C-alpha atoms as a PDB file:
ATOM      1  CA  MET A   1      -7.971 -29.428 -48.067  1.00  0.00           C
ATOM      2  CA  GLY A   2      -6.557 -33.166 -49.192  1.00  0.00           C
ATOM      3  CA  SER A   3      -3.335 -33.739 -50.587  1.00  0.00           C
ATOM      4  CA  ASP A   4      -1.392 -37.206 -51.144  1.00  0.00           C
ATOM      5  CA  LYS A   5       0.867 -35.506 -48.315  1.00  0.00           C
ATOM      6  CA  GLY A   6      -2.565 -35.527 -45.608  1.00  0.00           C
ATOM      7  CA  VAL A   7      -4.979 -32.908 -44.919  1.00  0.00           C
ATOM      8  CA  SER A   8      -3.916 -29.469 -44.924  1.00  0.00           C
ATOM      9  CA  ILE A   9      -5.969 -27.448 -42.456  1.00  0.00           C
ATOM     10  CA  SER A  10      -6.016 -23.420 -41.850  1.00  0.00           C
ATOM     11  CA  LYS A  11      -6.932 -21.869 -39.461  1.00  0.00           C
ATOM     12  CA  ASP A  12      -6.554 -18.313 -40.447  1.00  0.00           C
ATOM     13  CA  GLY A  13      -9.154 -17.947 -43.639  1.00  0.00           C
ATOM     14  CA  GLY A  14      -6.526 -19.788 -46.137  1.00  0.00           C
ATOM     15  CA  GLN A  15      -3.695 -18.061 -45.021  1.00  0.00           C
ATOM     16  CA  SER A  16      -1.281 -20.616 -44.370  1.00  0.00           C
ATOM     17  CA  PHE A  17      -1.911 -24.326 -43.859  1.00  0.00           C
ATOM     18  CA  ILE A  18      -0.808 -26.816 -41.446  1.00  0.00           C
ATOM     19  CA  THR A  19      -0.199 -31.051 -42.676  1.00  0.00           C
ATOM     20  CA  LYS A  20      -1.698 -33.745 -40.974  1.00  0.00           C
ATOM     21  CA  THR A  21      -0.732 -37.028 -41.529  1.00  0.00           C
ATOM     22  CA  PHE A  22      -2.115 -40.156 -40.675  1.00  0.00           C
ATOM     23  CA  SER A  23       0.524 -42.718 -41.020  1.00  0.00           C
ATOM     24  CA  ALA A  24       4.275 -43.721 -41.656  1.00  0.00           C
ATOM     25  CA  ASN A  25       2.838 -44.988 -44.789  1.00  0.00           C
ATOM     26  CA  PHE A  26       3.087 -42.878 -47.800  1.00  0.00           C
ATOM     27  CA  TYR A  27      -0.263 -44.659 -49.414  1.00  0.00           C
ATOM     28  CA  HIS A  28      -2.065 -44.383 -46.479  1.00  0.00           C
ATOM     29  CA  ASN A  29      -2.069 -40.455 -46.304  1.00  0.00           C
ATOM     30  CA  PHE A  30      -3.125 -39.918 -49.495  1.00  0.00           C
ATOM     31  CA  VAL A  31      -6.001 -37.888 -48.736  1.00  0.00           C
ATOM     32  CA  PRO A  32      -9.150 -37.959 -51.650  1.00  0.00           C
ATOM     33  CA  SER A  33     -11.937 -36.005 -50.344  1.00  0.00           C
ATOM     34  CA  VAL A  34     -12.131 -34.372 -46.893  1.00  0.00           C
ATOM     35  CA  TYR A  35     -15.438 -32.750 -44.958  1.00  0.00           C
ATOM     36  CA  GLY A  36     -15.866 -30.491 -42.359  1.00  0.00           C
ATOM     37  CA  THR A  37     -19.059 -29.885 -40.026  1.00  0.00           C
ATOM     38  CA  ASP A  38     -18.946 -26.725 -36.826  1.00  0.00           C
ATOM     39  CA  SER A  39     -17.737 -30.190 -34.859  1.00  0.00           C
ATOM     40  CA  HIS A  40     -15.962 -32.078 -37.214  1.00  0.00           C
ATOM     41  CA  VAL A  41     -13.552 -32.892 -40.067  1.00  0.00           C
ATOM     42  CA  PHE A  42     -13.759 -36.201 -41.818  1.00  0.00           C
ATOM     43  CA  ALA A  43     -10.807 -36.871 -44.285  1.00  0.00           C
ATOM     44  CA  ALA A  44     -10.866 -40.451 -46.523  1.00  0.00           C
ATOM     45  CA  THR A  45      -8.295 -41.945 -47.131  1.00  0.00           C
ATOM     46  CA  HIS A  46      -6.680 -45.562 -47.786  1.00  0.00           C
ATOM     47  CA  ALA A  47      -6.490 -46.580 -44.175  1.00  0.00           C
ATOM     48  CA  GLY A  48     -10.068 -46.005 -43.140  1.00  0.00           C
ATOM     49  CA  LEU A  49     -11.961 -42.642 -42.438  1.00  0.00           C
ATOM     50  CA  ALA A  50     -10.577 -40.030 -40.191  1.00  0.00           C
ATOM     51  CA  ILE A  51     -12.073 -38.338 -37.854  1.00  0.00           C
ATOM     52  CA  SER A  52     -11.304 -35.354 -35.993  1.00  0.00           C
ATOM     53  CA  GLU A  53     -13.306 -33.826 -33.053  1.00  0.00           C
ATOM     54  CA  ASN A  54     -10.981 -30.623 -32.194  1.00  0.00           C
ATOM     55  CA  GLY A  55     -10.997 -28.962 -35.286  1.00  0.00           C
ATOM     56  CA  GLY A  56      -8.263 -30.950 -36.962  1.00  0.00           C
ATOM     57  CA  GLU A  57      -5.238 -31.084 -33.592  1.00  0.00           C
ATOM     58  CA  SER A  58      -5.371 -34.809 -34.212  1.00  0.00           C
ATOM     59  CA  PHE A  59      -7.605 -37.580 -35.676  1.00  0.00           C
ATOM     60  CA  TYR A  60      -8.814 -40.873 -34.969  1.00  0.00           C
ATOM     61  CA  LEU A  61      -9.188 -43.997 -37.211  1.00  0.00           C
ATOM     62  CA  ARG A  62     -12.521 -45.552 -37.986  1.00  0.00           C
ATOM     63  CA  THR A  63     -11.883 -48.919 -40.076  1.00  0.00           C
ATOM     64  CA  ILE A  64     -13.305 -52.252 -41.259  1.00  0.00           C
ATOM     65  CA  ASP A  65     -12.235 -52.568 -37.592  1.00  0.00           C
ATOM     66  CA  ASP A  66     -15.671 -50.602 -36.592  1.00  0.00           C
ATOM     67  CA  GLY A  67     -17.890 -51.980 -39.045  1.00  0.00           C
ATOM     68  CA  LEU A  68     -16.879 -50.546 -42.214  1.00  0.00           C
ATOM     69  CA  PRO A  69     -16.306 -52.824 -45.267  1.00  0.00           C
ATOM     70  CA  SER A  70     -13.384 -51.806 -46.794  1.00  0.00           C
ATOM     71  CA  ASP A  71     -10.356 -49.331 -45.166  1.00  0.00           C
ATOM     72  CA  ASP A  72     -10.061 -47.930 -48.887  1.00  0.00           C
ATOM     73  CA  ILE A  73     -12.555 -44.673 -48.368  1.00  0.00           C
ATOM     74  CA  THR A  74     -13.310 -42.538 -51.753  1.00  0.00           C
ATOM     75  CA  LYS A  75     -14.979 -40.020 -50.447  1.00  0.00           C
ATOM     76  CA  VAL A  76     -16.495 -38.285 -47.551  1.00  0.00           C
ATOM     77  CA  PHE A  77     -19.382 -35.801 -47.874  1.00  0.00           C
ATOM     78  CA  GLY A  78     -22.832 -34.823 -45.441  1.00  0.00           C
ATOM     79  CA  GLY A  79     -25.935 -33.403 -45.857  1.00  0.00           C
ATOM     80  CA  ASP A  80     -29.245 -33.948 -43.772  1.00  0.00           C
ATOM     81  CA  LEU A  81     -27.070 -33.493 -40.770  1.00  0.00           C
ATOM     82  CA  ASN A  82     -25.525 -37.053 -41.550  1.00  0.00           C
ATOM     83  CA  VAL A  83     -22.237 -37.680 -43.214  1.00  0.00           C
ATOM     84  CA  TYR A  84     -21.933 -40.277 -46.039  1.00  0.00           C
ATOM     85  CA  VAL A  85     -18.923 -42.304 -47.143  1.00  0.00           C
ATOM     86  CA  ILE A  86     -18.665 -43.851 -50.402  1.00  0.00           C
ATOM     87  CA  ILE A  87     -16.646 -47.313 -50.536  1.00  0.00           C
ATOM     88  CA  GLY A  88     -16.381 -48.996 -54.140  1.00  0.00           C
ATOM     89  CA  GLU A  89     -19.973 -49.131 -54.835  1.00  0.00           C
ATOM     90  CA  THR A  90     -21.442 -49.089 -51.039  1.00  0.00           C
ATOM     91  CA  MET A  91     -22.226 -45.714 -49.500  1.00  0.00           C
ATOM     92  CA  LEU A  92     -22.510 -45.308 -45.619  1.00  0.00           C
ATOM     93  CA  VAL A  93     -24.501 -43.582 -43.671  1.00  0.00           C
ATOM     94  CA  SER A  94     -23.754 -42.439 -40.322  1.00  0.00           C
ATOM     95  CA  ARG A  95     -26.464 -40.697 -38.399  1.00  0.00           C
ATOM     96  CA  ASP A  96     -25.223 -39.698 -35.185  1.00  0.00           C
ATOM     97  CA  GLY A  97     -22.469 -37.638 -37.347  1.00  0.00           C
ATOM     98  CA  ALA A  98     -19.053 -39.222 -36.311  1.00  0.00           C
ATOM     99  CA  PHE A  99     -19.498 -43.018 -37.405  1.00  0.00           C
ATOM    100  CA  LYS A 100     -19.990 -44.605 -33.752  1.00  0.00           C
ATOM    101  CA  SER A 101     -23.219 -46.091 -34.295  1.00  0.00           C
ATOM    102  CA  SER A 102     -26.255 -46.095 -36.557  1.00  0.00           C
ATOM    103  CA  ILE A 103     -24.361 -46.955 -39.657  1.00  0.00           C
ATOM    104  CA  LYS A 104     -26.340 -47.592 -42.712  1.00  0.00           C
ATOM    105  CA  LEU A 105     -25.280 -49.010 -46.188  1.00  0.00           C
ATOM    106  CA  LEU A 106     -26.798 -48.312 -49.021  1.00  0.00           C
ATOM    107  CA  ASN A 107     -25.888 -50.194 -52.161  1.00  0.00           C
ATOM    108  CA  THR A 108     -24.891 -48.036 -55.037  1.00  0.00           C
ATOM    109  CA  ARG A 109     -24.471 -50.197 -58.135  1.00  0.00           C
ATOM    110  CA  TYR A 110     -28.003 -51.769 -57.991  1.00  0.00           C
ATOM    111  CA  GLY A 111     -30.042 -48.954 -56.585  1.00  0.00           C
ATOM    112  CA  MET A 112     -30.581 -47.102 -53.013  1.00  0.00           C
ATOM    113  CA  THR A 113     -30.955 -49.805 -50.818  1.00  0.00           C
ATOM    114  CA  LEU A 114     -31.530 -49.111 -46.865  1.00  0.00           C
ATOM    115  CA  LYS A 115     -30.044 -51.511 -44.943  1.00  0.00           C
ATOM    116  CA  ASP A 116     -29.374 -51.291 -41.227  1.00  0.00           C
ATOM    117  CA  ARG A 117     -25.730 -52.245 -39.971  1.00  0.00           C
END
């Protein structure tokens, strides 16, 4: 679950939660959206896309340095074995499920135009 303090994770069906933060900077810990799969947890943050491959024990960030158009992630969600990220008026699609490669850009302002990155 996302919050203004980071990502709250429960491993006991919601009986208790621990909160993971990404930065000492409060602004970077705001998490408007979280998406999880069997193998990953994705958190949208103002510092980039936070990704966990170990159930939320630790996270790494995908940022503008990794090819994202901005670090200010608005929403993350999934479907059809893909992970989608909204940044402003742009949607990114990760076909490998972790934004390690195969990032596709879809411009949502002028229709859905698929573009290789």
